[in-house]
């Protein structure tokens, strides 16, 4: 079930009532359309050269590359996100 129509209705109502600004409403809608990253434990990561998004627990940020089981700072992985659609 998609909650997008309900969220848009709620945001529209809050703007109409003056509870939030139009800029805040736009940000809420934009952030709700961004898919969440599904982080998985690194133990299950493919080691076949596939590019992944890897979580570096030391720097607390994602890094990109393939997993070969070499770095103990890497704790989780996710699919590499797709880039923007071609214009």
Protein backbone atom coordinates (compact mmCIF):
# COMPACT_ATOMS: atom_id res chain seq x y z
CA UNK A 1 0.00 0.00 0.00
CA UNK A 2 1.27 3.44 -0.89
CA UNK A 3 0.87 6.14 1.72
CA UNK A 4 1.86 8.87 -0.74
CA UNK A 5 -1.72 10.12 -1.42
CA UNK A 6 -2.46 10.26 2.31
CA UNK A 7 0.76 12.14 2.99
CA UNK A 8 0.09 14.62 0.21
CA UNK A 9 -3.44 15.22 1.53
CA UNK A 10 -2.12 15.79 5.06
CA UNK A 11 0.59 18.17 3.84
CA UNK A 12 -1.93 20.09 1.70
CA UNK A 13 -4.25 20.45 4.69
CA UNK A 14 -1.42 21.67 6.93
CA UNK A 15 -0.40 24.29 4.35
CA UNK A 16 -4.02 25.45 3.97
CA UNK A 17 -4.36 25.75 7.76
CA UNK A 18 -1.10 27.68 8.00
CA UNK A 19 0.55 25.03 10.17
CA UNK A 20 3.50 24.62 7.78
CA UNK A 21 4.95 26.66 4.94
CA UNK A 22 4.85 25.65 1.31
CA UNK A 23 8.64 25.16 1.37
CA UNK A 24 8.39 22.73 4.28
CA UNK A 25 5.57 20.92 2.47
CA UNK A 26 7.70 20.55 -0.66
CA UNK A 27 10.60 19.16 1.37
CA UNK A 28 8.33 16.62 3.14
CA UNK A 29 6.96 15.39 -0.18
CA UNK A 30 10.42 15.21 -1.81
CA UNK A 31 11.91 13.28 1.12
CA UNK A 32 8.98 10.87 1.19
CA UNK A 33 9.64 9.97 -2.46
CA UNK A 34 13.27 9.03 -1.78
CA UNK A 35 13.51 5.29 -1.23
CA UNK A 36 15.16 4.14 1.98
CA UNK A 37 18.42 2.24 1.74
CA UNK A 38 18.20 -1.40 2.75
CA UNK A 39 21.43 -2.05 4.68
CA UNK A 40 22.32 -5.73 5.11
CA UNK A 41 25.03 -7.36 7.26
CA UNK A 42 28.34 -7.58 5.41
CA UNK A 43 28.55 -11.34 6.01
CA UNK A 44 26.01 -11.83 3.20
CA UNK A 45 27.66 -9.49 0.68
CA UNK A 46 28.52 -10.91 -2.75
CA UNK A 47 32.26 -11.27 -3.37
CA UNK A 48 32.03 -11.55 -7.15
CA UNK A 49 33.24 -8.03 -8.03
CA UNK A 50 29.75 -6.49 -8.05
CA UNK A 51 29.81 -2.79 -7.11
CA UNK A 52 28.09 -2.11 -3.81
CA UNK A 53 27.49 0.68 -1.36
CA UNK A 54 29.46 -0.29 1.75
CA UNK A 55 29.07 1.18 5.25
CA UNK A 56 32.37 2.25 6.82
CA UNK A 57 31.83 2.12 10.60
CA UNK A 58 34.96 4.18 11.27
CA UNK A 59 34.17 7.18 9.06
CA UNK A 60 30.39 6.71 9.52
CA UNK A 61 29.68 7.11 5.83
CA UNK A 62 29.03 4.99 2.76
CA UNK A 63 31.82 4.09 0.37
CA UNK A 64 31.48 2.48 -3.03
CA UNK A 65 33.28 -0.54 -4.38
CA UNK A 66 33.26 -4.32 -4.44
CA UNK A 67 33.54 -6.44 -1.29
CA UNK A 68 36.40 -8.90 -0.91
CA UNK A 69 36.13 -9.52 2.84
CA UNK A 70 39.26 -7.55 3.68
CA UNK A 71 38.22 -4.54 5.77
CA UNK A 72 36.89 -5.05 9.32
CA UNK A 73 35.59 -1.44 9.36
CA UNK A 74 32.98 -2.36 6.74
CA UNK A 75 29.92 -3.67 8.60
CA UNK A 76 27.01 -3.47 6.13
CA UNK A 77 26.29 -3.31 2.42
CA UNK A 78 23.48 -2.18 0.12
CA UNK A 79 22.86 -2.12 -3.60
CA UNK A 80 24.61 0.73 -5.35
CA UNK A 81 21.93 3.37 -6.00
CA UNK A 82 20.97 4.20 -9.55
CA UNK A 83 22.00 7.58 -10.88
CA UNK A 84 19.53 10.19 -12.08
CA UNK A 85 17.46 9.45 -15.15
CA UNK A 86 18.87 10.80 -18.41
CA UNK A 87 17.31 14.10 -19.42
